[in-house]
Amino acid sequence: MSTSGTGRGPPAGIPTLTEVVHWPAQVPAVPVPLPTEVAAAVALPLPAAGGAPAGRAALAAPPSVSAPAPQINQAELTQNVLADLQRQIDLMLEVRLREALAPVLARAADALIRDARKELTSALRDAVARSVAQELARREDH
């Protein structure tokens, strides 16, 4: 009863963790500056509307303006990654629980319906038997 097609792995569109990352015991909350190459790449102009770069010179040479490199707050980055991971885990857990619980709940519902029918049949027979006995007793008295 798997909804993922093959029965293995998460449904399509849900990324999976494929690499184990070992974090240090305590992550410092000190902002880390980006390397100069990364800061230069971030500052490059976006491609023009036709999809071609705005200019080859912009790609070859770093910007002449000396802007301070953006800083990465490691604690904020960690919180963002953990929040994203939590959403993915919640979604995956919900899908897996639905797959695992659907047949169990279906069997439980079937058993409950069978038991309720037996009880209802028994109660209905008792009620009809009492009504017939009362009607016969009333007819004998007249």
N, C-alpha and C. Protein backbone atom coordinates (compact mmCIF):
# COMPACT_ATOMS: atom_id res chain seq x y z
N MET A 1 0.82 -1.20 0.00
CA MET A 1 0.00 0.00 0.00
C MET A 1 0.85 1.25 0.00
N SER A 2 1.97 1.21 -0.61
CA SER A 2 2.88 2.35 -0.63
C SER A 2 2.45 3.35 -1.66
N THR A 3 2.54 4.64 -1.31
CA THR A 3 2.18 5.69 -2.26
C THR A 3 3.39 6.21 -2.99
N SER A 4 4.58 5.72 -2.67
CA SER A 4 5.78 6.25 -3.31
C SER A 4 6.13 5.51 -4.59
N GLY A 5 5.38 4.49 -4.97
CA GLY A 5 5.63 3.80 -6.23
C GLY A 5 6.45 2.55 -6.02
N THR A 6 7.69 2.66 -5.54
CA THR A 6 8.55 1.51 -5.39
C THR A 6 8.45 0.88 -4.02
N GLY A 7 7.89 1.60 -3.05
CA GLY A 7 7.82 1.06 -1.70
C GLY A 7 9.05 1.40 -0.89
N ARG A 8 10.05 1.97 -1.53
CA ARG A 8 11.27 2.36 -0.83
C ARG A 8 11.52 3.83 -1.07
N GLY A 9 12.00 4.51 -0.04
CA GLY A 9 12.35 5.91 -0.18
C GLY A 9 11.13 6.81 -0.05
N PRO A 10 11.39 8.10 0.11
CA PRO A 10 10.29 9.04 0.28
C PRO A 10 9.60 9.32 -1.05
N PRO A 11 8.41 9.89 -1.02
CA PRO A 11 7.72 10.24 -2.24
C PRO A 11 8.54 11.25 -3.05
N ALA A 12 8.22 11.34 -4.32
CA ALA A 12 8.94 12.25 -5.21
C ALA A 12 8.83 13.68 -4.69
N GLY A 13 9.92 14.42 -4.82
CA GLY A 13 9.92 15.82 -4.43
C GLY A 13 10.39 16.07 -3.02
N ILE A 14 10.62 15.02 -2.24
CA ILE A 14 11.11 15.21 -0.88
C ILE A 14 12.59 14.89 -0.86
N PRO A 15 13.42 15.90 -0.57
CA PRO A 15 14.87 15.64 -0.53
C PRO A 15 15.22 14.73 0.65
N THR A 16 16.29 13.99 0.49
CA THR A 16 16.73 13.09 1.56
C THR A 16 18.14 13.44 1.99
N LEU A 17 18.47 13.11 3.22
CA LEU A 17 19.80 13.33 3.75
C LEU A 17 20.68 12.17 3.28
N THR A 18 21.72 12.49 2.51
CA THR A 18 22.57 11.43 1.97
C THR A 18 23.97 11.46 2.55
N GLU A 19 24.25 12.41 3.38
CA GLU A 19 25.59 12.55 3.92
C GLU A 19 25.50 12.87 5.40
N VAL A 20 26.32 12.22 6.20
CA VAL A 20 26.34 12.48 7.64
C VAL A 20 27.32 13.62 7.89
N VAL A 21 26.85 14.63 8.59
CA VAL A 21 27.70 15.78 8.91
C VAL A 21 27.93 15.77 10.41
N HIS A 22 29.18 15.79 10.82
CA HIS A 22 29.51 15.81 12.23
C HIS A 22 29.75 17.25 12.65
N TRP A 23 28.91 17.77 13.53
CA TRP A 23 29.03 19.13 14.02
C TRP A 23 29.93 19.16 15.24
N PRO A 24 30.65 20.26 15.46
CA PRO A 24 31.43 20.39 16.68
C PRO A 24 30.49 20.42 17.88
N ALA A 25 31.05 20.12 19.06
CA ALA A 25 30.23 20.04 20.27
C ALA A 25 29.49 21.35 20.52
N GLN A 26 30.15 22.48 20.33
CA GLN A 26 29.51 23.76 20.54
C GLN A 26 29.82 24.64 19.34
N VAL A 27 28.77 25.13 18.69
CA VAL A 27 28.94 25.96 17.51
C VAL A 27 29.06 27.41 17.98
N PRO A 28 30.18 28.09 17.62
CA PRO A 28 30.31 29.49 18.04
C PRO A 28 29.30 30.36 17.30
N ALA A 29 28.79 31.37 17.97
CA ALA A 29 27.81 32.27 17.39
C ALA A 29 28.50 33.51 16.82
N VAL A 30 29.70 33.35 16.32
CA VAL A 30 30.48 34.44 15.77
C VAL A 30 30.24 34.49 14.26
N PRO A 31 29.89 35.67 13.71
CA PRO A 31 29.71 35.75 12.26
C PRO A 31 31.02 35.46 11.54
N VAL A 32 30.92 34.72 10.43
CA VAL A 32 32.10 34.33 9.67
C VAL A 32 32.08 35.10 8.35
N PRO A 33 33.16 35.86 8.01
CA PRO A 33 33.15 36.59 6.74
C PRO A 33 33.32 35.62 5.57
N LEU A 34 32.73 35.98 4.42
CA LEU A 34 32.87 35.18 3.22
C LEU A 34 34.26 35.39 2.62
N PRO A 35 34.84 34.37 1.99
CA PRO A 35 36.10 34.57 1.30
C PRO A 35 35.93 35.59 0.18
N THR A 36 37.01 36.24 -0.21
CA THR A 36 36.96 37.30 -1.22
C THR A 36 36.38 36.80 -2.53
N GLU A 37 36.71 35.57 -2.93
CA GLU A 37 36.21 35.03 -4.19
C GLU A 37 34.69 34.87 -4.14
N VAL A 38 34.17 34.42 -3.02
CA VAL A 38 32.73 34.24 -2.88
C VAL A 38 32.03 35.59 -2.87
N ALA A 39 32.59 36.55 -2.15
CA ALA A 39 32.00 37.89 -2.11
C ALA A 39 31.98 38.50 -3.50
N ALA A 40 33.05 38.30 -4.29
CA ALA A 40 33.09 38.83 -5.65
C ALA A 40 32.04 38.14 -6.52
N ALA A 41 31.88 36.84 -6.38
CA ALA A 41 30.90 36.10 -7.17
C ALA A 41 29.48 36.55 -6.84
N VAL A 42 29.21 36.83 -5.56
CA VAL A 42 27.89 37.28 -5.15
C VAL A 42 27.59 38.65 -5.72
N ALA A 43 28.62 39.49 -5.88
CA ALA A 43 28.43 40.85 -6.35
C ALA A 43 28.34 40.95 -7.87
N LEU A 44 28.51 39.84 -8.61
CA LEU A 44 28.45 39.88 -10.08
C LEU A 44 27.05 40.26 -10.54
N PRO A 45 26.96 40.97 -11.71
CA PRO A 45 25.63 41.36 -12.21
C PRO A 45 24.86 40.14 -12.69
N LEU A 46 23.54 40.24 -12.65
CA LEU A 46 22.67 39.17 -13.12
C LEU A 46 22.67 39.14 -14.64
N PRO A 47 22.36 37.99 -15.27
CA PRO A 47 22.30 37.92 -16.72
C PRO A 47 21.22 38.85 -17.26
N ALA A 48 21.41 39.30 -18.51
CA ALA A 48 20.44 40.17 -19.17
C ALA A 48 19.20 39.36 -19.50
N ALA A 49 18.16 40.04 -20.00
CA ALA A 49 16.88 39.39 -20.26
C ALA A 49 17.00 38.25 -21.26
N GLY A 50 17.94 38.33 -22.21
CA GLY A 50 18.11 37.28 -23.21
C GLY A 50 18.79 36.05 -22.66
N GLY A 51 19.27 36.09 -21.45
CA GLY A 51 19.93 34.94 -20.84
C GLY A 51 21.44 35.04 -20.91
N ALA A 52 21.97 35.98 -21.67
CA ALA A 52 23.42 36.15 -21.78
C ALA A 52 23.89 37.06 -20.66
N PRO A 53 25.14 36.90 -20.20
CA PRO A 53 25.66 37.77 -19.15
C PRO A 53 25.65 39.22 -19.60
N ALA A 54 25.56 40.13 -18.63
CA ALA A 54 25.50 41.55 -18.93
C ALA A 54 26.76 42.01 -19.66
N GLY A 55 27.88 41.41 -19.39
CA GLY A 55 29.12 41.77 -20.06
C GLY A 55 30.21 40.81 -19.66
N ARG A 56 31.08 40.47 -20.64
CA ARG A 56 32.18 39.53 -20.34
C ARG A 56 33.16 40.15 -19.36
N ALA A 57 33.34 41.45 -19.41
CA ALA A 57 34.30 42.11 -18.51
C ALA A 57 33.86 41.96 -17.06
N ALA A 58 32.54 41.96 -16.84
CA ALA A 58 32.04 41.83 -15.47
C ALA A 58 32.35 40.46 -14.91
N LEU A 59 32.40 39.44 -15.77
CA LEU A 59 32.70 38.09 -15.30
C LEU A 59 34.19 37.88 -15.09
N ALA A 60 35.02 38.54 -15.86
CA ALA A 60 36.46 38.30 -15.81
C ALA A 60 37.12 39.03 -14.65
N ALA A 61 36.66 40.23 -14.35
CA ALA A 61 37.33 41.03 -13.32
C ALA A 61 36.41 41.21 -12.13
N PRO A 62 36.96 41.17 -10.92
CA PRO A 62 36.14 41.43 -9.75
C PRO A 62 35.69 42.89 -9.75
N PRO A 63 34.62 43.20 -9.06
CA PRO A 63 34.14 44.58 -9.03
C PRO A 63 35.21 45.50 -8.44
N SER A 64 35.26 46.72 -8.99
CA SER A 64 36.29 47.65 -8.54
C SER A 64 35.92 48.31 -7.22
N VAL A 65 34.65 48.29 -6.86
CA VAL A 65 34.23 48.89 -5.59
C VAL A 65 34.56 47.91 -4.47
N SER A 66 35.24 48.40 -3.48
CA SER A 66 35.64 47.56 -2.36
C SER A 66 34.54 47.56 -1.31
N ALA A 67 33.59 46.64 -1.46
CA ALA A 67 32.49 46.53 -0.51
C ALA A 67 32.86 45.51 0.56
N PRO A 68 32.40 45.74 1.78
CA PRO A 68 32.70 44.76 2.82
C PRO A 68 31.99 43.45 2.50
N ALA A 69 32.69 42.35 2.77
CA ALA A 69 32.14 41.03 2.50
C ALA A 69 30.97 40.77 3.44
N PRO A 70 29.85 40.24 2.90
CA PRO A 70 28.72 39.92 3.77
C PRO A 70 29.13 38.88 4.81
N GLN A 71 28.57 38.99 5.97
CA GLN A 71 28.92 38.08 7.06
C GLN A 71 27.82 37.04 7.24
N ILE A 72 28.23 35.84 7.53
CA ILE A 72 27.28 34.74 7.77
C ILE A 72 27.21 34.51 9.27
N ASN A 73 26.02 34.62 9.80
CA ASN A 73 25.81 34.33 11.21
C ASN A 73 25.59 32.83 11.32
N GLN A 74 26.55 32.15 11.90
CA GLN A 74 26.52 30.68 11.94
C GLN A 74 25.33 30.17 12.76
N ALA A 75 24.99 30.86 13.83
CA ALA A 75 23.85 30.42 14.65
C ALA A 75 22.55 30.54 13.86
N GLU A 76 22.39 31.66 13.11
CA GLU A 76 21.19 31.84 12.30
C GLU A 76 21.13 30.82 11.18
N LEU A 77 22.28 30.56 10.55
CA LEU A 77 22.34 29.55 9.50
C LEU A 77 21.96 28.17 10.04
N THR A 78 22.48 27.85 11.22
CA THR A 78 22.16 26.57 11.85
C THR A 78 20.67 26.48 12.14
N GLN A 79 20.07 27.56 12.65
CA GLN A 79 18.64 27.57 12.95
C GLN A 79 17.82 27.38 11.67
N ASN A 80 18.22 28.05 10.59
CA ASN A 80 17.49 27.93 9.32
C ASN A 80 17.57 26.50 8.79
N VAL A 81 18.76 25.92 8.83
CA VAL A 81 18.93 24.55 8.34
C VAL A 81 18.11 23.57 9.19
N LEU A 82 18.15 23.75 10.50
CA LEU A 82 17.39 22.86 11.39
C LEU A 82 15.88 23.02 11.18
N ALA A 83 15.41 24.25 10.96
CA ALA A 83 13.99 24.47 10.72
C ALA A 83 13.56 23.80 9.41
N ASP A 84 14.38 23.94 8.37
CA ASP A 84 14.08 23.30 7.09
C ASP A 84 14.08 21.78 7.23
N LEU A 85 15.06 21.26 7.94
CA LEU A 85 15.15 19.82 8.16
C LEU A 85 13.96 19.32 8.96
N GLN A 86 13.51 20.10 9.95
CA GLN A 86 12.36 19.72 10.75
C GLN A 86 11.11 19.62 9.88
N ARG A 87 10.92 20.58 8.96
CA ARG A 87 9.76 20.53 8.07
C ARG A 87 9.81 19.27 7.19
N GLN A 88 11.00 18.96 6.67
CA GLN A 88 11.14 17.79 5.82
C GLN A 88 10.87 16.51 6.60
N ILE A 89 11.39 16.44 7.82
CA ILE A 89 11.18 15.25 8.66
C ILE A 89 9.71 15.11 9.01
N ASP A 90 9.05 16.23 9.35
CA ASP A 90 7.63 16.18 9.68
C ASP A 90 6.81 15.64 8.50
N LEU A 91 7.11 16.12 7.31
CA LEU A 91 6.39 15.66 6.13
C LEU A 91 6.65 14.19 5.86
N MET A 92 7.91 13.79 5.94
CA MET A 92 8.26 12.39 5.70
C MET A 92 7.61 11.49 6.77
N LEU A 93 7.63 11.93 8.03
CA LEU A 93 7.03 11.14 9.10
C LEU A 93 5.53 11.00 8.89
N GLU A 94 4.87 12.08 8.48
CA GLU A 94 3.43 12.01 8.23
C GLU A 94 3.12 11.01 7.12
N VAL A 95 3.90 11.07 6.04
CA VAL A 95 3.67 10.15 4.91
C VAL A 95 3.89 8.71 5.36
N ARG A 96 4.98 8.47 6.06
CA ARG A 96 5.28 7.10 6.52
C ARG A 96 4.23 6.60 7.51
N LEU A 97 3.79 7.46 8.43
CA LEU A 97 2.77 7.04 9.39
C LEU A 97 1.45 6.71 8.68
N ARG A 98 1.10 7.52 7.70
CA ARG A 98 -0.13 7.23 6.96
C ARG A 98 -0.02 5.88 6.25
N GLU A 99 1.14 5.62 5.63
CA GLU A 99 1.33 4.34 4.94
C GLU A 99 1.27 3.17 5.93
N ALA A 100 1.86 3.34 7.10
CA ALA A 100 1.92 2.25 8.07
C ALA A 100 0.58 2.05 8.78
N LEU A 101 -0.11 3.15 9.08
CA LEU A 101 -1.34 3.04 9.87
C LEU A 101 -2.59 2.73 9.04
N ALA A 102 -2.57 3.03 7.76
CA ALA A 102 -3.77 2.81 6.93
C ALA A 102 -4.27 1.37 7.00
N PRO A 103 -3.41 0.36 6.78
CA PRO A 103 -3.94 -1.01 6.84
C PRO A 103 -4.35 -1.42 8.26
N VAL A 104 -3.64 -0.95 9.26
CA VAL A 104 -3.97 -1.28 10.65
C VAL A 104 -5.33 -0.69 11.01
N LEU A 105 -5.54 0.57 10.66
CA LEU A 105 -6.82 1.21 10.96
C LEU A 105 -7.96 0.59 10.16
N ALA A 106 -7.70 0.17 8.94
CA ALA A 106 -8.73 -0.49 8.14
C ALA A 106 -9.16 -1.81 8.78
N ARG A 107 -8.17 -2.59 9.25
CA ARG A 107 -8.51 -3.85 9.92
C ARG A 107 -9.27 -3.59 11.22
N ALA A 108 -8.86 -2.59 11.98
CA ALA A 108 -9.54 -2.27 13.23
C ALA A 108 -10.98 -1.82 12.96
N ALA A 109 -11.18 -1.02 11.93
CA ALA A 109 -12.53 -0.57 11.59
C ALA A 109 -13.39 -1.74 11.16
N ASP A 110 -12.83 -2.66 10.36
CA ASP A 110 -13.59 -3.84 9.95
C ASP A 110 -14.00 -4.68 11.15
N ALA A 111 -13.08 -4.90 12.08
CA ALA A 111 -13.39 -5.69 13.28
C ALA A 111 -14.45 -4.99 14.12
N LEU A 112 -14.36 -3.68 14.25
CA LEU A 112 -15.35 -2.92 15.02
C LEU A 112 -16.72 -3.01 14.38
N ILE A 113 -16.79 -2.92 13.07
CA ILE A 113 -18.07 -3.03 12.36
C ILE A 113 -18.66 -4.42 12.53
N ARG A 114 -17.82 -5.46 12.42
CA ARG A 114 -18.30 -6.84 12.62
C ARG A 114 -18.87 -7.02 14.03
N ASP A 115 -18.15 -6.55 15.04
CA ASP A 115 -18.61 -6.69 16.42
C ASP A 115 -19.90 -5.90 16.65
N ALA A 116 -19.99 -4.70 16.09
CA ALA A 116 -21.20 -3.89 16.26
C ALA A 116 -22.39 -4.56 15.60
N ARG A 117 -22.18 -5.16 14.44
CA ARG A 117 -23.29 -5.86 13.76
C ARG A 117 -23.77 -7.04 14.60
N LYS A 118 -22.82 -7.80 15.17
CA LYS A 118 -23.21 -8.94 16.02
C LYS A 118 -24.03 -8.46 17.21
N GLU A 119 -23.57 -7.41 17.87
CA GLU A 119 -24.29 -6.88 19.04
C GLU A 119 -25.66 -6.35 18.64
N LEU A 120 -25.72 -5.63 17.52
CA LEU A 120 -26.99 -5.08 17.06
C LEU A 120 -27.97 -6.19 16.69
N THR A 121 -27.48 -7.22 16.02
CA THR A 121 -28.33 -8.35 15.66
C THR A 121 -28.89 -9.03 16.90
N SER A 122 -28.03 -9.25 17.88
CA SER A 122 -28.45 -9.88 19.12
C SER A 122 -29.48 -9.02 19.86
N ALA A 123 -29.22 -7.73 19.94
CA ALA A 123 -30.15 -6.83 20.64
C ALA A 123 -31.49 -6.77 19.91
N LEU A 124 -31.44 -6.74 18.58
CA LEU A 124 -32.67 -6.68 17.80
C LEU A 124 -33.49 -7.96 17.97
N ARG A 125 -32.82 -9.12 17.97
CA ARG A 125 -33.54 -10.39 18.18
C ARG A 125 -34.18 -10.43 19.55
N ASP A 126 -33.45 -9.97 20.58
CA ASP A 126 -34.01 -9.94 21.94
C ASP A 126 -35.24 -9.03 22.01
N ALA A 127 -35.16 -7.86 21.37
CA ALA A 127 -36.28 -6.91 21.40
C ALA A 127 -37.49 -7.49 20.68
N VAL A 128 -37.28 -8.14 19.53
CA VAL A 128 -38.39 -8.74 18.79
C VAL A 128 -39.00 -9.89 19.60
N ALA A 129 -38.13 -10.71 20.21
CA ALA A 129 -38.65 -11.85 21.01
C ALA A 129 -39.48 -11.34 22.19
N ARG A 130 -39.02 -10.28 22.88
CA ARG A 130 -39.80 -9.71 24.00
C ARG A 130 -41.12 -9.15 23.51
N SER A 131 -41.10 -8.45 22.38
CA SER A 131 -42.34 -7.86 21.83
C SER A 131 -43.33 -8.94 21.44
N VAL A 132 -42.87 -10.01 20.82
CA VAL A 132 -43.75 -11.11 20.44
C VAL A 132 -44.33 -11.77 21.69
N ALA A 133 -43.48 -12.00 22.70
CA ALA A 133 -43.96 -12.63 23.94
C ALA A 133 -45.00 -11.76 24.63
N GLN A 134 -44.79 -10.45 24.67
CA GLN A 134 -45.77 -9.54 25.29
C GLN A 134 -47.09 -9.55 24.52
N GLU A 135 -47.00 -9.54 23.19
CA GLU A 135 -48.21 -9.53 22.38
C GLU A 135 -49.00 -10.84 22.57
N LEU A 136 -48.29 -11.97 22.62
CA LEU A 136 -48.96 -13.26 22.86
C LEU A 136 -49.60 -13.29 24.23
N ALA A 137 -48.92 -12.76 25.23
CA ALA A 137 -49.47 -12.73 26.60
C ALA A 137 -50.72 -11.84 26.65
N ARG A 138 -50.72 -10.73 25.95
CA ARG A 138 -51.86 -9.84 25.95
C ARG A 138 -53.06 -10.50 25.24
N ARG A 139 -52.81 -11.26 24.20
CA ARG A 139 -53.89 -11.92 23.47
C ARG A 139 -54.49 -13.05 24.29
N GLU A 140 -53.68 -13.72 25.12
CA GLU A 140 -54.21 -14.80 25.98
C GLU A 140 -55.09 -14.25 27.07
N ASP A 141 -54.78 -13.02 27.54
CA ASP A 141 -55.55 -12.41 28.62
C ASP A 141 -56.92 -11.94 28.11
N HIS A 142 -57.10 -11.72 26.89
CA HIS A 142 -58.38 -11.22 26.37
C HIS A 142 -59.26 -12.31 25.99
